[in-house]
C-alpha atoms as a PDB file:
ATOM      1  CA  UNK A   1      13.457 -59.347  75.591  1.00  0.00           C
ATOM      2  CA  UNK A   2       9.832 -59.966  74.616  1.00  0.00           C
ATOM      3  CA  UNK A   3       7.391 -61.539  76.998  1.00  0.00           C
ATOM      4  CA  UNK A   4       5.078 -64.557  75.759  1.00  0.00           C
ATOM      5  CA  UNK A   5       1.821 -63.036  74.402  1.00  0.00           C
ATOM      6  CA  UNK A   6      -1.554 -64.094  75.548  1.00  0.00           C
ATOM      7  CA  UNK A   7      -2.124 -66.788  72.566  1.00  0.00           C
ATOM      8  CA  UNK A   8       1.204 -68.086  73.263  1.00  0.00           C
ATOM      9  CA  UNK A   9       0.525 -68.339  77.100  1.00  0.00           C
ATOM     10  CA  UNK A  10      -2.755 -70.156  76.390  1.00  0.00           C
ATOM     11  CA  UNK A  11      -0.920 -72.767  74.332  1.00  0.00           C
ATOM     12  CA  UNK A  12       0.572 -73.909  77.745  1.00  0.00           C
ATOM     13  CA  UNK A  13      -2.442 -75.828  78.198  1.00  0.00           C
ATOM     14  CA  UNK A  14      -1.546 -78.161  75.287  1.00  0.00           C
ATOM     15  CA  UNK A  15       0.613 -81.032  76.386  1.00  0.00           C
ATOM     16  CA  UNK A  16       3.274 -82.367  74.144  1.00  0.00           C
ATOM     17  CA  UNK A  17       4.382 -85.705  74.650  1.00  0.00           C
ATOM     18  CA  UNK A  18       8.007 -85.929  75.804  1.00  0.00           C
ATOM     19  CA  UNK A  19      10.480 -88.826  75.591  1.00  0.00           C
ATOM     20  CA  UNK A  20      14.119 -88.308  77.288  1.00  0.00           C
ATOM     21  CA  UNK A  21      17.192 -90.105  75.860  1.00  0.00           C
ATOM     22  CA  UNK A  22      19.925 -89.862  78.659  1.00  0.00           C
ATOM     23  CA  UNK A  23      23.538 -90.138  77.580  1.00  0.00           C
ATOM     24  CA  UNK A  24      25.639 -91.305  80.524  1.00  0.00           C
ATOM     25  CA  UNK A  25      28.765 -90.141  78.830  1.00  0.00           C
ATOM     26  CA  UNK A  26      28.091 -86.496  78.835  1.00  0.00           C
ATOM     27  CA  UNK A  27      25.540 -86.692  81.268  1.00  0.00           C
ATOM     28  CA  UNK A  28      23.094 -85.091  78.490  1.00  0.00           C
ATOM     29  CA  UNK A  29      19.696 -85.711  77.992  1.00  0.00           C
ATOM     30  CA  UNK A  30      17.960 -85.255  74.564  1.00  0.00           C
ATOM     31  CA  UNK A  31      14.433 -85.206  73.734  1.00  0.00           C
ATOM     32  CA  UNK A  32      11.769 -86.223  71.270  1.00  0.00           C
ATOM     33  CA  UNK A  33       8.967 -83.970  71.576  1.00  0.00           C
ATOM     34  CA  UNK A  34       5.677 -84.762  69.541  1.00  0.00           C
ATOM     35  CA  UNK A  35       2.421 -83.215  68.819  1.00  0.00           C
ATOM     36  CA  UNK A  36      -0.454 -85.314  70.480  1.00  0.00           C
ATOM     37  CA  UNK A  37      -2.606 -84.568  67.705  1.00  0.00           C
ATOM     38  CA  UNK A  38      -0.482 -85.459  64.584  1.00  0.00           C
ATOM     39  CA  UNK A  39       2.509 -87.593  63.951  1.00  0.00           C
ATOM     40  CA  UNK A  40       5.028 -84.397  63.826  1.00  0.00           C
ATOM     41  CA  UNK A  41       8.098 -84.176  66.435  1.00  0.00           C
ATOM     42  CA  UNK A  42      11.515 -82.540  67.144  1.00  0.00           C
ATOM     43  CA  UNK A  43      14.648 -83.449  68.399  1.00  0.00           C
ATOM     44  CA  UNK A  44      16.144 -81.226  71.025  1.00  0.00           C
ATOM     45  CA  UNK A  45      19.713 -81.346  71.929  1.00  0.00           C
ATOM     46  CA  UNK A  46      21.133 -84.639  70.292  1.00  0.00           C
ATOM     47  CA  UNK A  47      24.360 -86.481  71.036  1.00  0.00           C
ATOM     48  CA  UNK A  48      27.056 -87.741  68.790  1.00  0.00           C
ATOM     49  CA  UNK A  49      29.477 -90.125  70.366  1.00  0.00           C
ATOM     50  CA  UNK A  50      33.216 -89.514  70.559  1.00  0.00           C
ATOM     51  CA  UNK A  51      36.006 -91.448  71.890  1.00  0.00           C
ATOM     52  CA  UNK A  52      37.915 -88.422  72.057  1.00  0.00           C
ATOM     53  CA  UNK A  53      41.296 -90.252  72.886  1.00  0.00           C
ATOM     54  CA  UNK A  54      41.277 -92.457  69.822  1.00  0.00           C
ATOM     55  CA  UNK A  55      39.690 -89.666  67.864  1.00  0.00           C
ATOM     56  CA  UNK A  56      36.527 -91.700  66.665  1.00  0.00           C
ATOM     57  CA  UNK A  57      33.058 -90.712  66.352  1.00  0.00           C
ATOM     58  CA  UNK A  58      30.120 -92.897  66.311  1.00  0.00           C
ATOM     59  CA  UNK A  59      26.231 -92.672  66.266  1.00  0.00           C
ATOM     60  CA  UNK A  60      25.282 -94.991  69.000  1.00  0.00           C
ATOM     61  CA  UNK A  61      22.888 -92.398  71.035  1.00  0.00           C
ATOM     62  CA  UNK A  62      21.538 -90.624  67.738  1.00  0.00           C
ATOM     63  CA  UNK A  63      20.543 -94.285  66.466  1.00  0.00           C
ATOM     64  CA  UNK A  64      18.712 -94.908  69.622  1.00  0.00           C
ATOM     65  CA  UNK A  65      16.361 -91.788  68.851  1.00  0.00           C
ATOM     66  CA  UNK A  66      16.069 -92.547  65.307  1.00  0.00           C
ATOM     67  CA  UNK A  67      14.759 -96.149  66.209  1.00  0.00           C
ATOM     68  CA  UNK A  68      12.289 -94.413  68.562  1.00  0.00           C
ATOM     69  CA  UNK A  69      10.752 -91.943  65.731  1.00  0.00           C
ATOM     70  CA  UNK A  70      10.818 -95.078  63.237  1.00  0.00           C
ATOM     71  CA  UNK A  71       9.056 -97.173  65.614  1.00  0.00           C
ATOM     72  CA  UNK A  72       6.410 -94.713  66.599  1.00  0.00           C
ATOM     73  CA  UNK A  73       5.811 -93.809  62.954  1.00  0.00           C
ATOM     74  CA  UNK A  74       6.734 -89.986  63.305  1.00  0.00           C
ATOM     75  CA  UNK A  75       7.723 -87.489  61.286  1.00  0.00           C
ATOM     76  CA  UNK A  76      10.830 -85.204  62.321  1.00  0.00           C
ATOM     77  CA  UNK A  77      10.062 -81.584  61.391  1.00  0.00           C
ATOM     78  CA  UNK A  78      12.717 -79.981  63.599  1.00  0.00           C
ATOM     79  CA  UNK A  79      16.286 -80.574  65.217  1.00  0.00           C
ATOM     80  CA  UNK A  80      16.637 -78.128  67.840  1.00  0.00           C
ATOM     81  CA  UNK A  81      20.026 -76.807  69.477  1.00  0.00           C
ATOM     82  CA  UNK A  82      19.521 -74.684  72.909  1.00  0.00           C
ATOM     83  CA  UNK A  83      23.044 -73.240  72.279  1.00  0.00           C
ATOM     84  CA  UNK A  84      26.443 -74.269  71.147  1.00  0.00           C
ATOM     85  CA  UNK A  85      27.115 -77.035  73.655  1.00  0.00           C
ATOM     86  CA  UNK A  86      30.673 -77.290  75.247  1.00  0.00           C
ATOM     87  CA  UNK A  87      30.426 -80.402  76.746  1.00  0.00           C
ATOM     88  CA  UNK A  88      28.930 -83.180  73.947  1.00  0.00           C
ATOM     89  CA  UNK A  89      28.851 -82.932  70.319  1.00  0.00           C
ATOM     90  CA  UNK A  90      25.530 -82.548  68.038  1.00  0.00           C
ATOM     91  CA  UNK A  91      23.920 -85.239  66.025  1.00  0.00           C
ATOM     92  CA  UNK A  92      22.062 -83.260  64.050  1.00  0.00           C
ATOM     93  CA  UNK A  93      23.293 -83.769  60.582  1.00  0.00           C
ATOM     94  CA  UNK A  94      23.680 -87.363  60.735  1.00  0.00           C
ATOM     95  CA  UNK A  95      19.419 -87.593  62.042  1.00  0.00           C
ATOM     96  CA  UNK A  96      18.498 -85.139  59.517  1.00  0.00           C
ATOM     97  CA  UNK A  97      20.184 -87.300  56.738  1.00  0.00           C
ATOM     98  CA  UNK A  98      18.271 -90.180  58.073  1.00  0.00           C
ATOM     99  CA  UNK A  99      14.908 -88.438  58.803  1.00  0.00           C
ATOM    100  CA  UNK A 100      14.709 -84.904  57.062  1.00  0.00           C
ATOM    101  CA  UNK A 101      13.800 -81.784  59.508  1.00  0.00           C
ATOM    102  CA  UNK A 102      15.491 -78.420  59.761  1.00  0.00           C
ATOM    103  CA  UNK A 103      18.110 -77.765  62.077  1.00  0.00           C
ATOM    104  CA  UNK A 104      17.724 -74.699  64.509  1.00  0.00           C
ATOM    105  CA  UNK A 105      19.470 -72.511  66.777  1.00  0.00           C
ATOM    106  CA  UNK A 106      19.526 -68.852  68.062  1.00  0.00           C
ATOM    107  CA  UNK A 107      20.339 -66.350  65.903  1.00  0.00           C
ATOM    108  CA  UNK A 108      23.301 -65.074  68.016  1.00  0.00           C
ATOM    109  CA  UNK A 109      25.108 -68.302  66.958  1.00  0.00           C
ATOM    110  CA  UNK A 110      26.959 -65.628  64.966  1.00  0.00           C
ATOM    111  CA  UNK A 111      28.532 -64.132  68.018  1.00  0.00           C
ATOM    112  CA  UNK A 112      29.446 -67.575  68.923  1.00  0.00           C
ATOM    113  CA  UNK A 113      31.039 -68.346  65.882  1.00  0.00           C
ATOM    114  CA  UNK A 114      32.966 -65.185  65.691  1.00  0.00           C
ATOM    115  CA  UNK A 115      34.375 -65.744  69.032  1.00  0.00           C
ATOM    116  CA  UNK A 116      35.306 -69.179  68.673  1.00  0.00           C
ATOM    117  CA  UNK A 117      36.493 -68.798  65.052  1.00  0.00           C
ATOM    118  CA  UNK A 118      39.019 -66.608  66.159  1.00  0.00           C
ATOM    119  CA  UNK A 119      39.992 -68.977  69.162  1.00  0.00           C
ATOM    120  CA  UNK A 120      40.513 -71.962  66.729  1.00  0.00           C
ATOM    121  CA  UNK A 121      41.922 -69.709  64.043  1.00  0.00           C
ATOM    122  CA  UNK A 122      39.698 -70.927  61.404  1.00  0.00           C
ATOM    123  CA  UNK A 123      40.345 -68.291  58.649  1.00  0.00           C
ATOM    124  CA  UNK A 124      38.277 -66.676  56.446  1.00  0.00           C
ATOM    125  CA  UNK A 125      36.988 -69.972  54.652  1.00  0.00           C
ATOM    126  CA  UNK A 126      34.713 -70.629  58.082  1.00  0.00           C
ATOM    127  CA  UNK A 127      31.401 -68.791  57.628  1.00  0.00           C
ATOM    128  CA  UNK A 128      30.573 -66.798  60.444  1.00  0.00           C
ATOM    129  CA  UNK A 129      26.737 -65.881  59.670  1.00  0.00           C
ATOM    130  CA  UNK A 130      25.013 -69.022  61.002  1.00  0.00           C
ATOM    131  CA  UNK A 131      24.351 -70.161  57.442  1.00  0.00           C
ATOM    132  CA  UNK A 132      25.545 -73.550  58.769  1.00  0.00           C
ATOM    133  CA  UNK A 133      21.950 -73.730  60.248  1.00  0.00           C
ATOM    134  CA  UNK A 134      18.724 -74.118  58.460  1.00  0.00           C
ATOM    135  CA  UNK A 135      16.755 -71.508  60.802  1.00  0.00           C
ATOM    136  CA  UNK A 136      18.148 -68.897  63.124  1.00  0.00           C
ATOM    137  CA  UNK A 137      15.448 -67.733  66.022  1.00  0.00           C
ATOM    138  CA  UNK A 138      15.260 -64.269  67.190  1.00  0.00           C
ATOM    139  CA  UNK A 139      13.943 -63.622  70.601  1.00  0.00           C
ATOM    140  CA  UNK A 140      10.090 -64.157  70.476  1.00  0.00           C
ATOM    141  CA  UNK A 141      10.043 -66.088  67.188  1.00  0.00           C
ATOM    142  CA  UNK A 142       7.596 -68.944  66.763  1.00  0.00           C
ATOM    143  CA  UNK A 143       7.767 -72.410  64.914  1.00  0.00           C
ATOM    144  CA  UNK A 144       5.388 -75.196  64.331  1.00  0.00           C
ATOM    145  CA  UNK A 145       5.756 -79.310  65.374  1.00  0.00           C
ATOM    146  CA  UNK A 146       2.464 -80.229  63.778  1.00  0.00           C
ATOM    147  CA  UNK A 147      -0.282 -78.345  65.620  1.00  0.00           C
ATOM    148  CA  UNK A 148       2.119 -77.206  68.322  1.00  0.00           C
ATOM    149  CA  UNK A 149       3.155 -73.894  68.151  1.00  0.00           C
ATOM    150  CA  UNK A 150       6.769 -73.297  70.012  1.00  0.00           C
ATOM    151  CA  UNK A 151       8.083 -70.221  71.096  1.00  0.00           C
ATOM    152  CA  UNK A 152      11.851 -69.318  70.760  1.00  0.00           C
ATOM    153  CA  UNK A 153      13.109 -66.914  73.867  1.00  0.00           C
ATOM    154  CA  UNK A 154      16.442 -65.640  74.124  1.00  0.00           C
ATOM    155  CA  UNK A 155      17.877 -66.748  77.664  1.00  0.00           C
ATOM    156  CA  UNK A 156      21.649 -65.588  77.479  1.00  0.00           C
ATOM    157  CA  UNK A 157      24.145 -66.002  80.089  1.00  0.00           C
ATOM    158  CA  UNK A 158      25.809 -69.252  79.729  1.00  0.00           C
ATOM    159  CA  UNK A 159      26.402 -68.580  76.222  1.00  0.00           C
ATOM    160  CA  UNK A 160      25.404 -65.418  73.979  1.00  0.00           C
ATOM    161  CA  UNK A 161      23.063 -67.587  71.576  1.00  0.00           C
ATOM    162  CA  UNK A 162      21.081 -69.709  74.713  1.00  0.00           C
ATOM    163  CA  UNK A 163      17.251 -70.098  73.804  1.00  0.00           C
ATOM    164  CA  UNK A 164      14.448 -71.563  75.803  1.00  0.00           C
ATOM    165  CA  UNK A 165      12.102 -73.048  73.514  1.00  0.00           C
ATOM    166  CA  UNK A 166       8.699 -72.943  75.276  1.00  0.00           C
ATOM    167  CA  UNK A 167       6.282 -75.742  73.684  1.00  0.00           C
ATOM    168  CA  UNK A 168       2.979 -76.229  74.956  1.00  0.00           C
ATOM    169  CA  UNK A 169       3.193 -76.656  78.764  1.00  0.00           C
ATOM    170  CA  UNK A 170       7.166 -77.872  78.820  1.00  0.00           C
ATOM    171  CA  UNK A 171      10.126 -75.404  78.524  1.00  0.00           C
ATOM    172  CA  UNK A 172      13.373 -76.595  77.039  1.00  0.00           C
ATOM    173  CA  UNK A 173      15.789 -74.651  78.697  1.00  0.00           C
ATOM    174  CA  UNK A 174      19.158 -76.183  77.646  1.00  0.00           C
ATOM    175  CA  UNK A 175      22.044 -75.060  80.204  1.00  0.00           C
ATOM    176  CA  UNK A 176      20.186 -72.020  81.732  1.00  0.00           C
ATOM    177  CA  UNK A 177      18.801 -73.887  84.386  1.00  0.00           C
ATOM    178  CA  UNK A 178      19.674 -77.340  86.163  1.00  0.00           C
ATOM    179  CA  UNK A 179      17.695 -79.339  88.789  1.00  0.00           C
ATOM    180  CA  UNK A 180      16.888 -77.222  91.861  1.00  0.00           C
ATOM    181  CA  UNK A 181      19.545 -79.021  93.919  1.00  0.00           C
ATOM    182  CA  UNK A 182      22.082 -78.651  91.301  1.00  0.00           C
ATOM    183  CA  UNK A 183      21.187 -74.733  90.611  1.00  0.00           C
ATOM    184  CA  UNK A 184      22.651 -73.248  87.328  1.00  0.00           C
ATOM    185  CA  UNK A 185      25.352 -73.597  84.854  1.00  0.00           C
ATOM    186  CA  UNK A 186      28.466 -71.697  84.789  1.00  0.00           C
ATOM    187  CA  UNK A 187      28.770 -68.106  83.008  1.00  0.00           C
ATOM    188  CA  UNK A 188      32.558 -67.858  82.371  1.00  0.00           C
ATOM    189  CA  UNK A 189      32.815 -69.030  78.751  1.00  0.00           C
ATOM    190  CA  UNK A 190      33.767 -66.360  76.455  1.00  0.00           C
ATOM    191  CA  UNK A 191      30.485 -64.422  75.714  1.00  0.00           C
ATOM    192  CA  UNK A 192      29.084 -65.399  79.230  1.00  0.00           C
ATOM    193  CA  UNK A 193      27.884 -63.274  82.108  1.00  0.00           C
ATOM    194  CA  UNK A 194      26.563 -64.307  85.629  1.00  0.00           C
ATOM    195  CA  UNK A 195      24.030 -61.420  85.555  1.00  0.00           C
ATOM    196  CA  UNK A 196      22.559 -61.873  82.221  1.00  0.00           C
ATOM    197  CA  UNK A 197      22.527 -65.550  83.223  1.00  0.00           C
ATOM    198  CA  UNK A 198      20.496 -64.447  86.304  1.00  0.00           C
ATOM    199  CA  UNK A 199      18.271 -62.262  83.937  1.00  0.00           C
ATOM    200  CA  UNK A 200      17.499 -64.750  81.806  1.00  0.00           C
ATOM    201  CA  UNK A 201      16.585 -67.440  84.631  1.00  0.00           C
ATOM    202  CA  UNK A 202      14.011 -64.980  85.906  1.00  0.00           C
ATOM    203  CA  UNK A 203      12.356 -64.765  82.575  1.00  0.00           C
ATOM    204  CA  UNK A 204      12.007 -68.899  82.788  1.00  0.00           C
ATOM    205  CA  UNK A 205      10.969 -68.746  86.170  1.00  0.00           C
ATOM    206  CA  UNK A 206       7.956 -66.168  84.910  1.00  0.00           C
ATOM    207  CA  UNK A 207       6.360 -68.831  82.832  1.00  0.00           C
ATOM    208  CA  UNK A 208       3.299 -70.377  84.924  1.00  0.00           C
ATOM    209  CA  UNK A 209       4.160 -72.235  88.071  1.00  0.00           C
ATOM    210  CA  UNK A 210       2.933 -75.611  86.465  1.00  0.00           C
ATOM    211  CA  UNK A 211       5.188 -75.400  83.452  1.00  0.00           C
ATOM    212  CA  UNK A 212       7.464 -78.468  83.069  1.00  0.00           C
ATOM    213  CA  UNK A 213      10.824 -77.810  82.691  1.00  0.00           C
ATOM    214  CA  UNK A 214      13.142 -80.038  80.807  1.00  0.00           C
ATOM    215  CA  UNK A 215      17.020 -79.967  81.613  1.00  0.00           C
ATOM    216  CA  UNK A 216      19.681 -80.795  79.162  1.00  0.00           C
ATOM    217  CA  UNK A 217      22.012 -82.091  81.795  1.00  0.00           C
ATOM    218  CA  UNK A 218      21.840 -83.378  85.104  1.00  0.00           C
ATOM    219  CA  UNK A 219      24.795 -85.129  87.244  1.00  0.00           C
ATOM    220  CA  UNK A 220      22.632 -86.598  90.057  1.00  0.00           C
ATOM    221  CA  UNK A 221      23.139 -84.327  92.770  1.00  0.00           C
ATOM    222  CA  UNK A 222      26.892 -85.070  92.693  1.00  0.00           C
ATOM    223  CA  UNK A 223      26.002 -88.652  92.816  1.00  0.00           C
ATOM    224  CA  UNK A 224      23.623 -88.214  95.754  1.00  0.00           C
ATOM    225  CA  UNK A 225      20.749 -89.188  93.968  1.00  0.00           C
ATOM    226  CA  UNK A 226      19.442 -90.900  90.881  1.00  0.00           C
ATOM    227  CA  UNK A 227      19.317 -88.833  87.416  1.00  0.00           C
ATOM    228  CA  UNK A 228      16.750 -86.489  86.924  1.00  0.00           C
ATOM    229  CA  UNK A 229      15.579 -84.230  84.077  1.00  0.00           C
ATOM    230  CA  UNK A 230      12.163 -82.838  84.554  1.00  0.00           C
ATOM    231  CA  UNK A 231      11.100 -80.294  87.046  1.00  0.00           C
ATOM    232  CA  UNK A 232       8.405 -77.363  87.276  1.00  0.00           C
ATOM    233  CA  UNK A 233       8.752 -73.542  87.438  1.00  0.00           C
ATOM    234  CA  UNK A 234       6.840 -73.564  90.674  1.00  0.00           C
ATOM    235  CA  UNK A 235       9.646 -76.376  92.224  1.00  0.00           C
ATOM    236  CA  UNK A 236      12.675 -73.927  90.844  1.00  0.00           C
ATOM    237  CA  UNK A 237      11.229 -70.739  92.347  1.00  0.00           C
ATOM    238  CA  UNK A 238      10.910 -72.639  95.593  1.00  0.00           C
ATOM    239  CA  UNK A 239      13.978 -74.604  95.762  1.00  0.00           C
ATOM    240  CA  UNK A 240      16.662 -73.762  93.372  1.00  0.00           C
ATOM    241  CA  UNK A 241      19.718 -73.504  95.728  1.00  0.00           C
ATOM    242  CA  UNK A 242      21.182 -70.667  93.356  1.00  0.00           C
ATOM    243  CA  UNK A 243      18.257 -68.665  92.225  1.00  0.00           C
ATOM    244  CA  UNK A 244      15.140 -69.880  94.358  1.00  0.00           C
ATOM    245  CA  UNK A 245      13.677 -68.830  97.401  1.00  0.00           C
ATOM    246  CA  UNK A 246      14.290 -64.988  96.402  1.00  0.00           C
ATOM    247  CA  UNK A 247      17.987 -64.851  96.139  1.00  0.00           C
ATOM    248  CA  UNK A 248      18.961 -61.859  94.832  1.00  0.00           C
ATOM    249  CA  UNK A 249      20.923 -60.884  91.340  1.00  0.00           C
ATOM    250  CA  UNK A 250      23.922 -59.447  93.589  1.00  0.00           C
ATOM    251  CA  UNK A 251      24.054 -62.620  95.458  1.00  0.00           C
ATOM    252  CA  UNK A 252      23.848 -64.540  92.140  1.00  0.00           C
ATOM    253  CA  UNK A 253      26.639 -63.007  90.521  1.00  0.00           C
ATOM    254  CA  UNK A 254      29.058 -62.988  93.484  1.00  0.00           C
ATOM    255  CA  UNK A 255      28.485 -66.994  93.937  1.00  0.00           C
ATOM    256  CA  UNK A 256      28.817 -67.599  90.174  1.00  0.00           C
ATOM    257  CA  UNK A 257      32.028 -65.557  89.937  1.00  0.00           C
ATOM    258  CA  UNK A 258      33.719 -67.401  92.745  1.00  0.00           C
ATOM    259  CA  UNK A 259      32.206 -70.741  91.786  1.00  0.00           C
ATOM    260  CA  UNK A 260      33.103 -70.521  88.039  1.00  0.00           C
ATOM    261  CA  UNK A 261      36.865 -69.675  89.053  1.00  0.00           C
ATOM    262  CA  UNK A 262      37.169 -73.141  90.573  1.00  0.00           C
ATOM    263  CA  UNK A 263      35.373 -75.166  87.711  1.00  0.00           C
ATOM    264  CA  UNK A 264      37.743 -76.952  85.116  1.00  0.00           C
ATOM    265  CA  UNK A 265      37.080 -76.744  81.575  1.00  0.00           C
ATOM    266  CA  UNK A 266      34.781 -79.538  80.319  1.00  0.00           C
ATOM    267  CA  UNK A 267      36.382 -82.747  78.978  1.00  0.00           C
ATOM    268  CA  UNK A 268      35.012 -82.162  75.454  1.00  0.00           C
ATOM    269  CA  UNK A 269      34.963 -78.676  75.010  1.00  0.00           C
ATOM    270  CA  UNK A 270      37.459 -78.513  72.430  1.00  0.00           C
ATOM    271  CA  UNK A 271      35.853 -81.047  70.146  1.00  0.00           C
ATOM    272  CA  UNK A 272      32.397 -79.855  70.861  1.00  0.00           C
ATOM    273  CA  UNK A 273      32.707 -76.340  70.169  1.00  0.00           C
ATOM    274  CA  UNK A 274      34.690 -76.912  66.789  1.00  0.00           C
ATOM    275  CA  UNK A 275      31.731 -79.223  65.488  1.00  0.00           C
ATOM    276  CA  UNK A 276      28.858 -77.506  67.207  1.00  0.00           C
ATOM    277  CA  UNK A 277      29.468 -74.247  65.928  1.00  0.00           C
ATOM    278  CA  UNK A 278      29.118 -75.750  62.458  1.00  0.00           C
ATOM    279  CA  UNK A 279      25.617 -77.293  63.150  1.00  0.00           C
ATOM    280  CA  UNK A 280      27.258 -80.658  63.938  1.00  0.00           C
ATOM    281  CA  UNK A 281      29.423 -81.010  60.947  1.00  0.00           C
ATOM    282  CA  UNK A 282      33.114 -81.700  61.430  1.00  0.00           C
ATOM    283  CA  UNK A 283      35.340 -79.425  59.940  1.00  0.00           C
ATOM    284  CA  UNK A 284      36.688 -80.005  56.314  1.00  0.00           C
ATOM    285  CA  UNK A 285      38.947 -82.523  55.251  1.00  0.00           C
ATOM    286  CA  UNK A 286      42.044 -81.761  54.170  1.00  0.00           C
ATOM    287  CA  UNK A 287      43.307 -82.611  50.590  1.00  0.00           C
ATOM    288  CA  UNK A 288      43.540 -86.231  51.504  1.00  0.00           C
ATOM    289  CA  UNK A 289      40.311 -86.442  52.834  1.00  0.00           C
ATOM    290  CA  UNK A 290      41.507 -86.519  56.595  1.00  0.00           C
ATOM    291  CA  UNK A 291      39.686 -84.518  59.024  1.00  0.00           C
ATOM    292  CA  UNK A 292      41.387 -83.033  62.280  1.00  0.00           C
ATOM    293  CA  UNK A 293      40.501 -81.002  64.934  1.00  0.00           C
ATOM    294  CA  UNK A 294      42.668 -78.132  66.641  1.00  0.00           C
ATOM    295  CA  UNK A 295      44.002 -77.748  70.192  1.00  0.00           C
ATOM    296  CA  UNK A 296      44.572 -74.355  70.883  1.00  0.00           C
ATOM    297  CA  UNK A 297      47.224 -73.943  73.648  1.00  0.00           C
ATOM    298  CA  UNK A 298      46.750 -71.585  76.687  1.00  0.00           C
ATOM    299  CA  UNK A 299      43.658 -69.848  75.351  1.00  0.00           C
ATOM    300  CA  UNK A 300      40.537 -71.148  76.942  1.00  0.00           C
END
């Protein structure tokens, strides 16, 4: 994996404006990240609402983001997915249709598509080359949000396609890290690996201490505190209950494997994976125009 170049590290002095949007149904935090020197912005990890029991989707969460961007007179340039989420559905295509922008994800989406294309028996018509997305980021790739330069760092372990996006003095870590009192995400999904996750977390913690870290999820310390989504590298290094204060790779792997064995599957994993590996699009409709999601039995 590449380290940040000096020029990229220098860009950390730039402070993008970050507006969070918390979805209580999935405990997801989406972000509008805007360039303070222009009207350009990006959306990170948007949410499409689903009533899974009724099989109905809606866009209340996405409409909040769209309204904010329009109210502020911003121009949407990117819709970033930090990874293929297993706990919420992406609203990226819906927002793109309204406001434009490119949908981007890590290049290892192809690994995820191959794995879950088989699990959901998608057949040969399902493209496994990432072509549903507008951009596939390699480790160290850079892109622009107005005058802001963003760097995509490959931080796998939770999934093979996980990326951390460093934008100025902020880093959007997806599920690579949680708030210090919540530790880290699971590593037992197909393609996940606890040792790889530890290594990726160390890469995030090698960023400057003052770097602001923004989480994709928070659960309020299991209900013991208010929801939070922003911390710093220094705070994580000192206080993260899974990797902070010098905890070793071996300790982390042992803990993560024991903990993951006790976890139930996320409530929305079945619809989320089928939609998100398609860049937020539903599976193709049948000859009657109806759309269906599959439920693999005794597979996940």
